[in-house]
Amino acid sequence: MATTCATCGTAATTNCSLCRQGLCQEHANRWHPLITARQLATTIFNTAVKTPNLLSDILLKEVGQVDYCPDCRELIAERRQSEQIKFLLCALLLMAMVIGLPTLLLLH
């Protein structure tokens, strides 16, 4: 059974990566996949421990794009923003610990 586009009803050529609805090329929006802060941290840690020579590939190479439907665009934008805030807060906390801990030890 052929799937149809959720927006216009024509034959679907791809699926939305979030809701898995069928989409035609006209209604498919291509963006980078959503990567959570946890996925990023565990991938970096596991790669650094197991194969450190691949770390530059993970951090610097272009990520492929996936299809999203127009209805999921706002949801993806909200999720992406919340993941960026989580990552920023973790980075700030780590910097505060790196700077604060030696300072605290030097003062005592």
Protein backbone atom coordinates (compact mmCIF):
# COMPACT_ATOMS: atom_id res chain seq x y z
CA MET A 1 0.00 0.00 0.00
CA ALA A 2 1.48 3.33 -1.07
CA THR A 3 1.61 6.10 1.49
CA THR A 4 0.25 9.55 0.72
CA CYS A 5 1.47 13.00 1.70
CA ALA A 6 -0.14 14.17 4.95
CA THR A 7 -0.44 17.72 3.59
CA CYS A 8 -1.68 17.39 -0.01
CA GLY A 9 -2.66 13.73 -0.49
CA THR A 10 -0.26 12.96 -3.36
CA ALA A 11 2.14 10.03 -3.32
CA ALA A 12 4.68 10.32 -0.49
CA THR A 13 8.35 10.12 -1.33
CA THR A 14 9.73 10.44 2.21
CA ASN A 15 8.64 10.43 5.86
CA CYS A 16 8.83 13.05 8.61
CA SER A 17 11.64 12.15 11.00
CA LEU A 18 9.61 13.17 14.04
CA CYS A 19 6.00 12.07 13.46
CA ARG A 20 6.67 9.54 10.65
CA GLN A 21 3.89 10.94 8.41
CA GLY A 22 4.33 10.53 4.67
CA LEU A 23 5.51 13.61 2.77
CA CYS A 24 5.99 14.57 -0.86
CA GLN A 25 9.12 16.46 -1.92
CA GLU A 26 7.16 19.72 -2.09
CA HIS A 27 6.15 19.62 1.58
CA ALA A 28 9.27 18.05 3.07
CA ASN A 29 11.49 20.52 4.92
CA ARG A 30 15.13 19.41 5.19
CA TRP A 31 17.02 20.31 8.38
CA HIS A 32 19.73 18.88 10.54
CA PRO A 33 18.56 16.11 12.85
CA LEU A 34 17.76 16.96 16.46
CA ILE A 35 20.66 15.91 18.68
CA THR A 36 20.03 16.07 22.41
CA ALA A 37 22.60 17.26 24.92
CA ARG A 38 22.73 13.75 26.40
CA GLN A 39 23.37 12.17 22.98
CA LEU A 40 26.11 14.70 22.28
CA ALA A 41 27.81 14.21 25.66
CA THR A 42 27.69 10.40 25.56
CA THR A 43 28.91 10.28 21.96
CA ILE A 44 31.84 12.59 22.73
CA PHE A 45 32.74 10.68 25.89
CA ASN A 46 32.47 7.22 24.29
CA THR A 47 34.48 8.31 21.27
CA ALA A 48 37.15 9.96 23.42
CA VAL A 49 37.53 6.77 25.46
CA LYS A 50 37.30 4.16 22.69
CA THR A 51 38.65 5.84 19.54
CA PRO A 52 40.07 9.31 20.26
CA ASN A 53 41.37 9.70 16.70
CA LEU A 54 37.73 9.89 15.46
CA LEU A 55 36.82 12.74 17.83
CA SER A 56 37.59 15.43 15.25
CA ASP A 57 35.31 13.69 12.74
CA ILE A 58 32.40 13.71 15.17
CA LEU A 59 32.88 17.31 16.24
CA LEU A 60 33.76 18.94 12.92
CA LYS A 61 32.09 17.05 10.07
CA GLU A 62 28.81 18.17 8.54
CA VAL A 63 25.73 16.29 9.77
CA GLY A 64 23.35 14.95 7.14
CA GLN A 65 19.90 16.44 6.79
CA VAL A 66 16.58 14.73 7.45
CA ASP A 67 13.01 15.54 6.42
CA TYR A 68 10.41 17.14 8.69
CA CYS A 69 6.78 18.01 7.98
CA PRO A 70 5.58 21.64 8.25
CA ASP A 71 3.56 20.78 11.39
CA CYS A 72 6.66 19.60 13.26
CA ARG A 73 8.74 22.69 12.47
CA GLU A 74 7.74 24.65 15.59
CA LEU A 75 8.12 21.60 17.83
CA ILE A 76 11.62 20.92 16.50
CA ALA A 77 12.57 24.58 16.98
CA GLU A 78 11.40 24.49 20.62
CA ARG A 79 13.23 21.23 21.33
CA ARG A 80 16.39 22.46 19.64
CA GLN A 81 16.34 25.67 21.69
CA SER A 82 15.84 23.78 24.96
CA GLU A 83 18.73 21.44 24.10
CA GLN A 84 20.96 24.42 23.33
CA ILE A 85 20.09 25.99 26.70
CA LYS A 86 20.85 22.73 28.51
CA PHE A 87 24.20 22.45 26.74
CA LEU A 88 25.06 26.09 27.53
CA LEU A 89 24.20 25.67 31.22
CA CYS A 90 26.29 22.50 31.46
CA ALA A 91 29.22 24.23 29.76
CA LEU A 92 28.94 27.21 32.15
CA LEU A 93 28.74 24.89 35.15
CA LEU A 94 31.82 23.02 33.97
CA MET A 95 33.73 26.28 33.47
CA ALA A 96 32.69 27.47 36.92
CA MET A 97 33.94 24.23 38.44
CA VAL A 98 37.26 24.40 36.56
CA ILE A 99 37.84 27.98 37.65
CA GLY A 100 36.22 27.84 41.09
CA LEU A 101 37.66 24.63 42.47
CA PRO A 102 41.36 25.59 42.13
CA THR A 103 40.57 29.07 43.43
CA LEU A 104 38.78 27.62 46.43
CA LEU A 105 41.68 25.24 47.13
CA LEU A 106 44.23 28.04 46.86
CA LEU A 107 42.36 30.22 49.34
CA HIS A 108 42.23 27.54 52.02
